[in-house]
Each structure stands twice: as C-alpha cells, then as structure tokens.
Full PDB file with SEQRES, HELIX, SHEET, SSBOND, CRYST1, ORIGX, SCALE, CONECT and MASTER records, all heavy atoms in Angstrom:
SEQRES   1 A   31  ASN THR VAL TYR MET GLN MET ASP ASN LEU GLN PRO GLU          
SEQRES   2 A   31  ASP THR ALA VAL TYR TYR CYS MET ALA VAL ASN THR GLY          
SEQRES   3 A   31  GLU ARG TYR TRP GLY                                          
HELIX    1 AA1 PRO A   12  ASP A   14  5                                   3    
SHEET    1 AA1 2 MET A  21  ASN A  24  0                                        
SHEET    2 AA1 2 GLU A  27  TRP A  30 -1                                        
CRYST1    1.000    1.000    1.000  90.00  90.00  90.00 P 1           1          
ORIGX1      1.000000  0.000000  0.000000        0.00000                         
ORIGX2      0.000000  1.000000  0.000000        0.00000                         
ORIGX3      0.000000  0.000000  1.000000        0.00000                         
SCALE1      1.000000  0.000000  0.000000        0.00000                         
SCALE2      0.000000  1.000000  0.000000        0.00000                         
SCALE3      0.000000  0.000000  1.000000        0.00000                         
ATOM      1  N   ASN A   1      16.313   8.470   0.061  1.00  0.00           N  
ATOM      2  CA  ASN A   1      15.047   7.754   0.272  1.00  0.00           C  
ATOM      3  C   ASN A   1      14.726   6.837  -0.905  1.00  0.00           C  
ATOM      4  O   ASN A   1      13.561   6.713  -1.311  1.00  0.00           O  
ATOM      5  CB  ASN A   1      13.881   8.731   0.478  1.00  0.00           C  
ATOM      6  CG  ASN A   1      14.014   9.554   1.735  1.00  0.00           C  
ATOM      7  OD1 ASN A   1      14.776   9.193   2.641  1.00  0.00           O  
ATOM      8  ND2 ASN A   1      13.305  10.647   1.811  1.00  0.00           N  
ATOM      9  N   THR A   2      15.735   6.200  -1.442  1.00  0.00           N  
ATOM     10  CA  THR A   2      15.570   5.409  -2.655  1.00  0.00           C  
ATOM     11  C   THR A   2      16.134   4.008  -2.476  1.00  0.00           C  
ATOM     12  O   THR A   2      17.205   3.829  -1.908  1.00  0.00           O  
ATOM     13  CB  THR A   2      16.258   6.094  -3.845  1.00  0.00           C  
ATOM     14  OG1 THR A   2      15.676   7.387  -4.041  1.00  0.00           O  
ATOM     15  CG2 THR A   2      16.082   5.292  -5.125  1.00  0.00           C  
ATOM     16  N   VAL A   3      15.370   3.049  -2.975  1.00  0.00           N  
ATOM     17  CA  VAL A   3      15.800   1.650  -3.006  1.00  0.00           C  
ATOM     18  C   VAL A   3      16.045   1.278  -4.464  1.00  0.00           C  
ATOM     19  O   VAL A   3      15.275   1.670  -5.347  1.00  0.00           O  
ATOM     20  CB  VAL A   3      14.738   0.733  -2.381  1.00  0.00           C  
ATOM     21  CG1 VAL A   3      15.096  -0.740  -2.600  1.00  0.00           C  
ATOM     22  CG2 VAL A   3      14.602   1.023  -0.895  1.00  0.00           C  
ATOM     23  N   TYR A   4      17.103   0.539  -4.693  1.00  0.00           N  
ATOM     24  CA  TYR A   4      17.470   0.135  -6.044  1.00  0.00           C  
ATOM     25  C   TYR A   4      17.433  -1.383  -6.169  1.00  0.00           C  
ATOM     26  O   TYR A   4      17.576  -2.105  -5.181  1.00  0.00           O  
ATOM     27  CB  TYR A   4      18.886   0.610  -6.377  1.00  0.00           C  
ATOM     28  CG  TYR A   4      19.085   2.095  -6.233  1.00  0.00           C  
ATOM     29  CD1 TYR A   4      19.633   2.629  -5.064  1.00  0.00           C  
ATOM     30  CD2 TYR A   4      18.714   2.969  -7.247  1.00  0.00           C  
ATOM     31  CE1 TYR A   4      19.815   3.996  -4.914  1.00  0.00           C  
ATOM     32  CE2 TYR A   4      18.899   4.342  -7.106  1.00  0.00           C  
ATOM     33  CZ  TYR A   4      19.441   4.843  -5.940  1.00  0.00           C  
ATOM     34  OH  TYR A   4      19.615   6.188  -5.802  1.00  0.00           O  
ATOM     35  N   MET A   5      17.281  -1.833  -7.386  1.00  0.00           N  
ATOM     36  CA  MET A   5      17.491  -3.248  -7.657  1.00  0.00           C  
ATOM     37  C   MET A   5      18.275  -3.370  -8.956  1.00  0.00           C  
ATOM     38  O   MET A   5      17.765  -3.031 -10.040  1.00  0.00           O  
ATOM     39  CB  MET A   5      16.184  -4.026  -7.747  1.00  0.00           C  
ATOM     40  CG  MET A   5      16.429  -5.528  -7.861  1.00  0.00           C  
ATOM     41  SD  MET A   5      14.989  -6.499  -7.429  1.00  0.00           S  
ATOM     42  CE  MET A   5      13.917  -6.124  -8.823  1.00  0.00           C  
ATOM     43  N   GLN A   6      19.515  -3.777  -8.814  1.00  0.00           N  
ATOM     44  CA  GLN A   6      20.366  -4.032  -9.959  1.00  0.00           C  
ATOM     45  C   GLN A   6      20.056  -5.434 -10.467  1.00  0.00           C  
ATOM     46  O   GLN A   6      20.159  -6.400  -9.700  1.00  0.00           O  
ATOM     47  CB  GLN A   6      21.837  -3.923  -9.553  1.00  0.00           C  
ATOM     48  CG  GLN A   6      22.812  -4.244 -10.663  1.00  0.00           C  
ATOM     49  CD  GLN A   6      22.783  -3.229 -11.786  1.00  0.00           C  
ATOM     50  OE1 GLN A   6      22.638  -2.032 -11.546  1.00  0.00           O  
ATOM     51  NE2 GLN A   6      22.924  -3.700 -13.022  1.00  0.00           N  
ATOM     52  N   MET A   7      19.700  -5.535 -11.732  1.00  0.00           N  
ATOM     53  CA  MET A   7      19.333  -6.812 -12.318  1.00  0.00           C  
ATOM     54  C   MET A   7      20.335  -7.147 -13.416  1.00  0.00           C  
ATOM     55  O   MET A   7      20.396  -6.444 -14.436  1.00  0.00           O  
ATOM     56  CB  MET A   7      17.910  -6.764 -12.878  1.00  0.00           C  
ATOM     57  CG  MET A   7      16.873  -6.310 -11.854  1.00  0.00           C  
ATOM     58  SD  MET A   7      15.173  -6.467 -12.433  1.00  0.00           S  
ATOM     59  CE  MET A   7      15.159  -5.305 -13.802  1.00  0.00           C  
ATOM     60  N   ASP A   8      21.113  -8.176 -13.193  1.00  0.00           N  
ATOM     61  CA  ASP A   8      22.132  -8.599 -14.152  1.00  0.00           C  
ATOM     62  C   ASP A   8      21.782  -9.960 -14.741  1.00  0.00           C  
ATOM     63  O   ASP A   8      20.993 -10.714 -14.162  1.00  0.00           O  
ATOM     64  CB  ASP A   8      23.497  -8.673 -13.465  1.00  0.00           C  
ATOM     65  CG  ASP A   8      23.969  -7.311 -12.974  1.00  0.00           C  
ATOM     66  OD1 ASP A   8      23.776  -6.321 -13.688  1.00  0.00           O  
ATOM     67  OD2 ASP A   8      24.535  -7.249 -11.866  1.00  0.00           O  
ATOM     68  N   ASN A   9      22.376 -10.261 -15.874  1.00  0.00           N  
ATOM     69  CA  ASN A   9      22.137 -11.533 -16.557  1.00  0.00           C  
ATOM     70  C   ASN A   9      20.629 -11.801 -16.681  1.00  0.00           C  
ATOM     71  O   ASN A   9      20.141 -12.883 -16.355  1.00  0.00           O  
ATOM     72  CB  ASN A   9      22.823 -12.677 -15.813  1.00  0.00           C  
ATOM     73  CG  ASN A   9      22.807 -13.967 -16.607  1.00  0.00           C  
ATOM     74  OD1 ASN A   9      22.684 -13.957 -17.833  1.00  0.00           O  
ATOM     75  ND2 ASN A   9      22.936 -15.088 -15.907  1.00  0.00           N  
ATOM     76  N   LEU A  10      19.919 -10.797 -17.152  1.00  0.00           N  
ATOM     77  CA  LEU A  10      18.470 -10.929 -17.296  1.00  0.00           C  
ATOM     78  C   LEU A  10      18.137 -11.997 -18.328  1.00  0.00           C  
ATOM     79  O   LEU A  10      18.843 -12.160 -19.337  1.00  0.00           O  
ATOM     80  CB  LEU A  10      17.858  -9.597 -17.686  1.00  0.00           C  
ATOM     81  CG  LEU A  10      17.731  -8.604 -16.523  1.00  0.00           C  
ATOM     82  CD1 LEU A  10      17.591  -7.185 -17.048  1.00  0.00           C  
ATOM     83  CD2 LEU A  10      16.557  -8.977 -15.645  1.00  0.00           C  
ATOM     84  N   GLN A  11      17.052 -12.706 -18.061  1.00  0.00           N  
ATOM     85  CA  GLN A  11      16.594 -13.780 -18.927  1.00  0.00           C  
ATOM     86  C   GLN A  11      15.143 -13.538 -19.327  1.00  0.00           C  
ATOM     87  O   GLN A  11      14.425 -12.794 -18.646  1.00  0.00           O  
ATOM     88  CB  GLN A  11      16.735 -15.117 -18.210  1.00  0.00           C  
ATOM     89  CG  GLN A  11      18.159 -15.464 -17.823  1.00  0.00           C  
ATOM     90  CD  GLN A  11      19.090 -15.545 -19.021  1.00  0.00           C  
ATOM     91  OE1 GLN A  11      18.765 -16.141 -20.046  1.00  0.00           O  
ATOM     92  NE2 GLN A  11      20.275 -14.936 -18.883  1.00  0.00           N  
ATOM     93  N   PRO A  12      14.694 -14.148 -20.409  1.00  0.00           N  
ATOM     94  CA  PRO A  12      13.297 -13.935 -20.845  1.00  0.00           C  
ATOM     95  C   PRO A  12      12.275 -14.213 -19.740  1.00  0.00           C  
ATOM     96  O   PRO A  12      11.244 -13.537 -19.694  1.00  0.00           O  
ATOM     97  CB  PRO A  12      13.152 -14.911 -22.017  1.00  0.00           C  
ATOM     98  CG  PRO A  12      14.535 -14.996 -22.586  1.00  0.00           C  
ATOM     99  CD  PRO A  12      15.446 -14.943 -21.401  1.00  0.00           C  
ATOM    100  N   GLU A  13      12.572 -15.141 -18.862  1.00  0.00           N  
ATOM    101  CA  GLU A  13      11.626 -15.439 -17.781  1.00  0.00           C  
ATOM    102  C   GLU A  13      11.551 -14.344 -16.730  1.00  0.00           C  
ATOM    103  O   GLU A  13      10.696 -14.388 -15.840  1.00  0.00           O  
ATOM    104  CB  GLU A  13      11.967 -16.780 -17.114  1.00  0.00           C  
ATOM    105  CG  GLU A  13      13.389 -16.899 -16.632  1.00  0.00           C  
ATOM    106  CD  GLU A  13      14.308 -17.561 -17.657  1.00  0.00           C  
ATOM    107  OE1 GLU A  13      14.087 -17.376 -18.874  1.00  0.00           O  
ATOM    108  OE2 GLU A  13      15.251 -18.260 -17.226  1.00  0.00           O  
ATOM    109  N   ASP A  14      12.420 -13.349 -16.824  1.00  0.00           N  
ATOM    110  CA  ASP A  14      12.352 -12.195 -15.929  1.00  0.00           C  
ATOM    111  C   ASP A  14      11.383 -11.137 -16.460  1.00  0.00           C  
ATOM    112  O   ASP A  14      11.126 -10.140 -15.783  1.00  0.00           O  
ATOM    113  CB  ASP A  14      13.736 -11.552 -15.758  1.00  0.00           C  
ATOM    114  CG  ASP A  14      14.726 -12.474 -15.082  1.00  0.00           C  
ATOM    115  OD1 ASP A  14      14.353 -13.103 -14.057  1.00  0.00           O  
ATOM    116  OD2 ASP A  14      15.869 -12.576 -15.555  1.00  0.00           O  
ATOM    117  N   THR A  15      10.854 -11.347 -17.648  1.00  0.00           N  
ATOM    118  CA  THR A  15       9.886 -10.414 -18.213  1.00  0.00           C  
ATOM    119  C   THR A  15       8.656 -10.334 -17.317  1.00  0.00           C  
ATOM    120  O   THR A  15       8.051 -11.349 -16.981  1.00  0.00           O  
ATOM    121  CB  THR A  15       9.476 -10.853 -19.623  1.00  0.00           C  
ATOM    122  OG1 THR A  15      10.617 -10.755 -20.493  1.00  0.00           O  
ATOM    123  CG2 THR A  15       8.352  -9.991 -20.170  1.00  0.00           C  
ATOM    124  N   ALA A  16       8.316  -9.112 -16.919  1.00  0.00           N  
ATOM    125  CA  ALA A  16       7.203  -8.916 -15.993  1.00  0.00           C  
ATOM    126  C   ALA A  16       6.982  -7.424 -15.781  1.00  0.00           C  
ATOM    127  O   ALA A  16       7.809  -6.603 -16.183  1.00  0.00           O  
ATOM    128  CB  ALA A  16       7.495  -9.589 -14.645  1.00  0.00           C  
ATOM    129  N   VAL A  17       5.869  -7.121 -15.126  1.00  0.00           N  
ATOM    130  CA  VAL A  17       5.686  -5.776 -14.579  1.00  0.00           C  
ATOM    131  C   VAL A  17       6.269  -5.803 -13.167  1.00  0.00           C  
ATOM    132  O   VAL A  17       5.893  -6.652 -12.356  1.00  0.00           O  
ATOM    133  CB  VAL A  17       4.211  -5.362 -14.553  1.00  0.00           C  
ATOM    134  CG1 VAL A  17       4.067  -3.986 -13.902  1.00  0.00           C  
ATOM    135  CG2 VAL A  17       3.637  -5.356 -15.959  1.00  0.00           C  
ATOM    136  N   TYR A  18       7.176  -4.908 -12.897  1.00  0.00           N  
ATOM    137  CA  TYR A  18       7.851  -4.849 -11.608  1.00  0.00           C  
ATOM    138  C   TYR A  18       7.254  -3.734 -10.753  1.00  0.00           C  
ATOM    139  O   TYR A  18       7.045  -2.620 -11.227  1.00  0.00           O  
ATOM    140  CB  TYR A  18       9.349  -4.628 -11.800  1.00  0.00           C  
ATOM    141  CG  TYR A  18      10.072  -5.871 -12.243  1.00  0.00           C  
ATOM    142  CD1 TYR A  18       9.914  -6.372 -13.532  1.00  0.00           C  
ATOM    143  CD2 TYR A  18      10.896  -6.575 -11.357  1.00  0.00           C  
ATOM    144  CE1 TYR A  18      10.564  -7.538 -13.931  1.00  0.00           C  
ATOM    145  CE2 TYR A  18      11.550  -7.730 -11.750  1.00  0.00           C  
ATOM    146  CZ  TYR A  18      11.372  -8.209 -13.036  1.00  0.00           C  
ATOM    147  OH  TYR A  18      12.025  -9.370 -13.422  1.00  0.00           O  
ATOM    148  N   TYR A  19       7.023  -4.079  -9.490  1.00  0.00           N  
ATOM    149  CA  TYR A  19       6.418  -3.150  -8.550  1.00  0.00           C  
ATOM    150  C   TYR A  19       7.295  -2.997  -7.316  1.00  0.00           C  
ATOM    151  O   TYR A  19       7.889  -3.961  -6.843  1.00  0.00           O  
ATOM    152  CB  TYR A  19       5.064  -3.668  -8.065  1.00  0.00           C  
ATOM    153  CG  TYR A  19       4.019  -3.826  -9.132  1.00  0.00           C  
ATOM    154  CD1 TYR A  19       3.904  -5.016  -9.836  1.00  0.00           C  
ATOM    155  CD2 TYR A  19       3.124  -2.795  -9.415  1.00  0.00           C  
ATOM    156  CE1 TYR A  19       2.937  -5.179 -10.811  1.00  0.00           C  
ATOM    157  CE2 TYR A  19       2.148  -2.944 -10.385  1.00  0.00           C  
ATOM    158  CZ  TYR A  19       2.060  -4.138 -11.080  1.00  0.00           C  
ATOM    159  OH  TYR A  19       1.085  -4.296 -12.038  1.00  0.00           O  
ATOM    160  N   CYS A  20       7.307  -1.804  -6.794  1.00  0.00           N  
ATOM    161  CA  CYS A  20       7.907  -1.533  -5.513  1.00  0.00           C  
ATOM    162  C   CYS A  20       6.782  -1.525  -4.482  1.00  0.00           C  
ATOM    163  O   CYS A  20       5.690  -1.006  -4.762  1.00  0.00           O  
ATOM    164  CB  CYS A  20       8.600  -0.175  -5.567  1.00  0.00           C  
ATOM    165  SG  CYS A  20       9.423   0.331  -4.060  1.00  0.00           S  
ATOM    166  N   MET A  21       7.025  -2.102  -3.314  1.00  0.00           N  
ATOM    167  CA  MET A  21       6.004  -2.141  -2.267  1.00  0.00           C  
ATOM    168  C   MET A  21       6.636  -1.813  -0.932  1.00  0.00           C  
ATOM    169  O   MET A  21       7.712  -2.330  -0.614  1.00  0.00           O  
ATOM    170  CB  MET A  21       5.358  -3.525  -2.222  1.00  0.00           C  
ATOM    171  CG  MET A  21       4.123  -3.622  -1.336  1.00  0.00           C  
ATOM    172  SD  MET A  21       4.496  -3.961   0.396  1.00  0.00           S  
ATOM    173  CE  MET A  21       4.773  -5.738   0.298  1.00  0.00           C  
ATOM    174  N   ALA A  22       5.957  -0.983  -0.159  1.00  0.00           N  
ATOM    175  CA  ALA A  22       6.448  -0.607   1.162  1.00  0.00           C  
ATOM    176  C   ALA A  22       5.408  -0.950   2.216  1.00  0.00           C  
ATOM    177  O   ALA A  22       4.206  -0.851   1.967  1.00  0.00           O  
ATOM    178  CB  ALA A  22       6.772   0.880   1.219  1.00  0.00           C  
ATOM    179  N   VAL A  23       5.892  -1.338   3.373  1.00  0.00           N  
ATOM    180  CA  VAL A  23       5.018  -1.583   4.518  1.00  0.00           C  
ATOM    181  C   VAL A  23       5.343  -0.551   5.586  1.00  0.00           C  
ATOM    182  O   VAL A  23       6.494  -0.425   6.016  1.00  0.00           O  
ATOM    183  CB  VAL A  23       5.208  -3.005   5.074  1.00  0.00           C  
ATOM    184  CG1 VAL A  23       4.362  -3.197   6.337  1.00  0.00           C  
ATOM    185  CG2 VAL A  23       4.848  -4.045   4.027  1.00  0.00           C  
ATOM    186  N   ASN A  24       4.309   0.171   6.001  1.00  0.00           N  
ATOM    187  CA  ASN A  24       4.510   1.205   7.010  1.00  0.00           C  
ATOM    188  C   ASN A  24       3.251   1.311   7.859  1.00  0.00           C  
ATOM    189  O   ASN A  24       2.148   1.369   7.311  1.00  0.00           O  
ATOM    190  CB  ASN A  24       4.806   2.549   6.325  1.00  0.00           C  
ATOM    191  CG  ASN A  24       5.255   3.595   7.329  1.00  0.00           C  
ATOM    192  OD1 ASN A  24       6.136   3.341   8.144  1.00  0.00           O  
ATOM    193  ND2 ASN A  24       4.658   4.759   7.273  1.00  0.00           N  
ATOM    194  N   THR A  25       3.427   1.282   9.146  1.00  0.00           N  
ATOM    195  CA  THR A  25       2.300   1.340  10.098  1.00  0.00           C  
ATOM    196  C   THR A  25       1.204   0.343   9.746  1.00  0.00           C  
ATOM    197  O   THR A  25       0.007   0.653   9.794  1.00  0.00           O  
ATOM    198  CB  THR A  25       1.718   2.760  10.191  1.00  0.00           C  
ATOM    199  OG1 THR A  25       1.201   3.148   8.917  1.00  0.00           O  
ATOM    200  CG2 THR A  25       2.771   3.746  10.636  1.00  0.00           C  
ATOM    201  N   GLY A  26       1.640  -0.858   9.353  1.00  0.00           N  
ATOM    202  CA  GLY A  26       0.694  -1.927   9.085  1.00  0.00           C  
ATOM    203  C   GLY A  26       0.009  -1.876   7.738  1.00  0.00           C  
ATOM    204  O   GLY A  26      -0.780  -2.774   7.417  1.00  0.00           O  
ATOM    205  N   GLU A  27       0.290  -0.865   6.939  1.00  0.00           N  
ATOM    206  CA  GLU A  27      -0.329  -0.735   5.632  1.00  0.00           C  
ATOM    207  C   GLU A  27       0.678  -1.044   4.516  1.00  0.00           C  
ATOM    208  O   GLU A  27       1.870  -0.796   4.670  1.00  0.00           O  
ATOM    209  CB  GLU A  27      -0.860   0.691   5.422  1.00  0.00           C  
ATOM    210  CG  GLU A  27      -1.930   1.107   6.413  1.00  0.00           C  
ATOM    211  CD  GLU A  27      -3.240   0.386   6.169  1.00  0.00           C  
ATOM    212  OE1 GLU A  27      -3.521   0.053   5.001  1.00  0.00           O  
ATOM    213  OE2 GLU A  27      -3.987   0.161   7.147  1.00  0.00           O  
ATOM    214  N   ARG A  28       0.146  -1.566   3.406  1.00  0.00           N  
ATOM    215  CA  ARG A  28       0.986  -1.811   2.231  1.00  0.00           C  
ATOM    216  C   ARG A  28       0.745  -0.711   1.211  1.00  0.00           C  
ATOM    217  O   ARG A  28      -0.394  -0.337   0.943  1.00  0.00           O  
ATOM    218  CB  ARG A  28       0.632  -3.150   1.589  1.00  0.00           C  
ATOM    219  CG  ARG A  28       1.073  -4.356   2.385  1.00  0.00           C  
ATOM    220  CD  ARG A  28       0.893  -5.615   1.564  1.00  0.00           C  
ATOM    221  NE  ARG A  28       1.441  -6.781   2.237  1.00  0.00           N  
ATOM    222  CZ  ARG A  28       1.646  -7.955   1.655  1.00  0.00           C  
ATOM    223  NH1 ARG A  28       1.337  -8.108   0.378  1.00  0.00           N  
ATOM    224  NH2 ARG A  28       2.143  -8.957   2.333  1.00  0.00           N  
ATOM    225  N   TYR A  29       1.825  -0.248   0.627  1.00  0.00           N  
ATOM    226  CA  TYR A  29       1.731   0.772  -0.409  1.00  0.00           C  
ATOM    227  C   TYR A  29       2.486   0.279  -1.636  1.00  0.00           C  
ATOM    228  O   TYR A  29       3.606  -0.219  -1.517  1.00  0.00           O  
ATOM    229  CB  TYR A  29       2.343   2.094   0.085  1.00  0.00           C  
ATOM    230  CG  TYR A  29       1.665   2.626   1.321  1.00  0.00           C  
ATOM    231  CD1 TYR A  29       2.117   2.283   2.597  1.00  0.00           C  
ATOM    232  CD2 TYR A  29       0.550   3.448   1.221  1.00  0.00           C  
ATOM    233  CE1 TYR A  29       1.492   2.756   3.735  1.00  0.00           C  
ATOM    234  CE2 TYR A  29      -0.084   3.931   2.358  1.00  0.00           C  
ATOM    235  CZ  TYR A  29       0.386   3.577   3.609  1.00  0.00           C  
ATOM    236  OH  TYR A  29      -0.248   4.039   4.737  1.00  0.00           O  
ATOM    237  N   TRP A  30       1.865   0.462  -2.802  1.00  0.00           N  
ATOM    238  CA  TRP A  30       2.441  -0.036  -4.047  1.00  0.00           C  
ATOM    239  C   TRP A  30       2.790   1.127  -4.968  1.00  0.00           C  
ATOM    240  O   TRP A  30       2.069   2.127  -5.040  1.00  0.00           O  
ATOM    241  CB  TRP A  30       1.463  -0.958  -4.760  1.00  0.00           C  
ATOM    242  CG  TRP A  30       1.220  -2.245  -4.045  1.00  0.00           C  
ATOM    243  CD1 TRP A  30       0.258  -2.496  -3.115  1.00  0.00           C  
ATOM    244  CD2 TRP A  30       1.952  -3.462  -4.200  1.00  0.00           C  
ATOM    245  NE1 TRP A  30       0.348  -3.800  -2.681  1.00  0.00           N  
ATOM    246  CE2 TRP A  30       1.382  -4.415  -3.326  1.00  0.00           C  
ATOM    247  CE3 TRP A  30       3.045  -3.845  -4.986  1.00  0.00           C  
ATOM    248  CZ2 TRP A  30       1.859  -5.734  -3.226  1.00  0.00           C  
ATOM    249  CZ3 TRP A  30       3.509  -5.147  -4.887  1.00  0.00           C  
ATOM    250  CH2 TRP A  30       2.932  -6.074  -4.011  1.00  0.00           C  
ATOM    251  N   GLY A  31       3.861   0.939  -5.720  1.00  0.00           N  
ATOM    252  CA  GLY A  31       4.175   1.853  -6.797  1.00  0.00           C  
ATOM    253  C   GLY A  31       3.299   1.555  -7.993  1.00  0.00           C  
ATOM    254  O   GLY A  31       2.484   0.632  -7.986  1.00  0.00           O  
TER     255      GLY A  31                                                      
MASTER        0    0    0    1    2    0    0    6  254    1    0    3          
END                                                                             
C-alpha cells in the first residue's frame, strides 16, 4: 500500500515541502 517517488539529479529548484495526496470517494487527503 505504498507509493514511491525516486528523485534523481536533484537540483536546488527542487527544494520544497513534498506532500503525498490521495483522492478517494471524491475527497482529497494529504500527508
């Protein structure tokens, strides 16, 4: 039950707060 995101060749412009979001039964859920 896990989603991954492999991030390669990261650059300074990739600096951010990263969130996972799911849509289920019309609702959005955030990590």
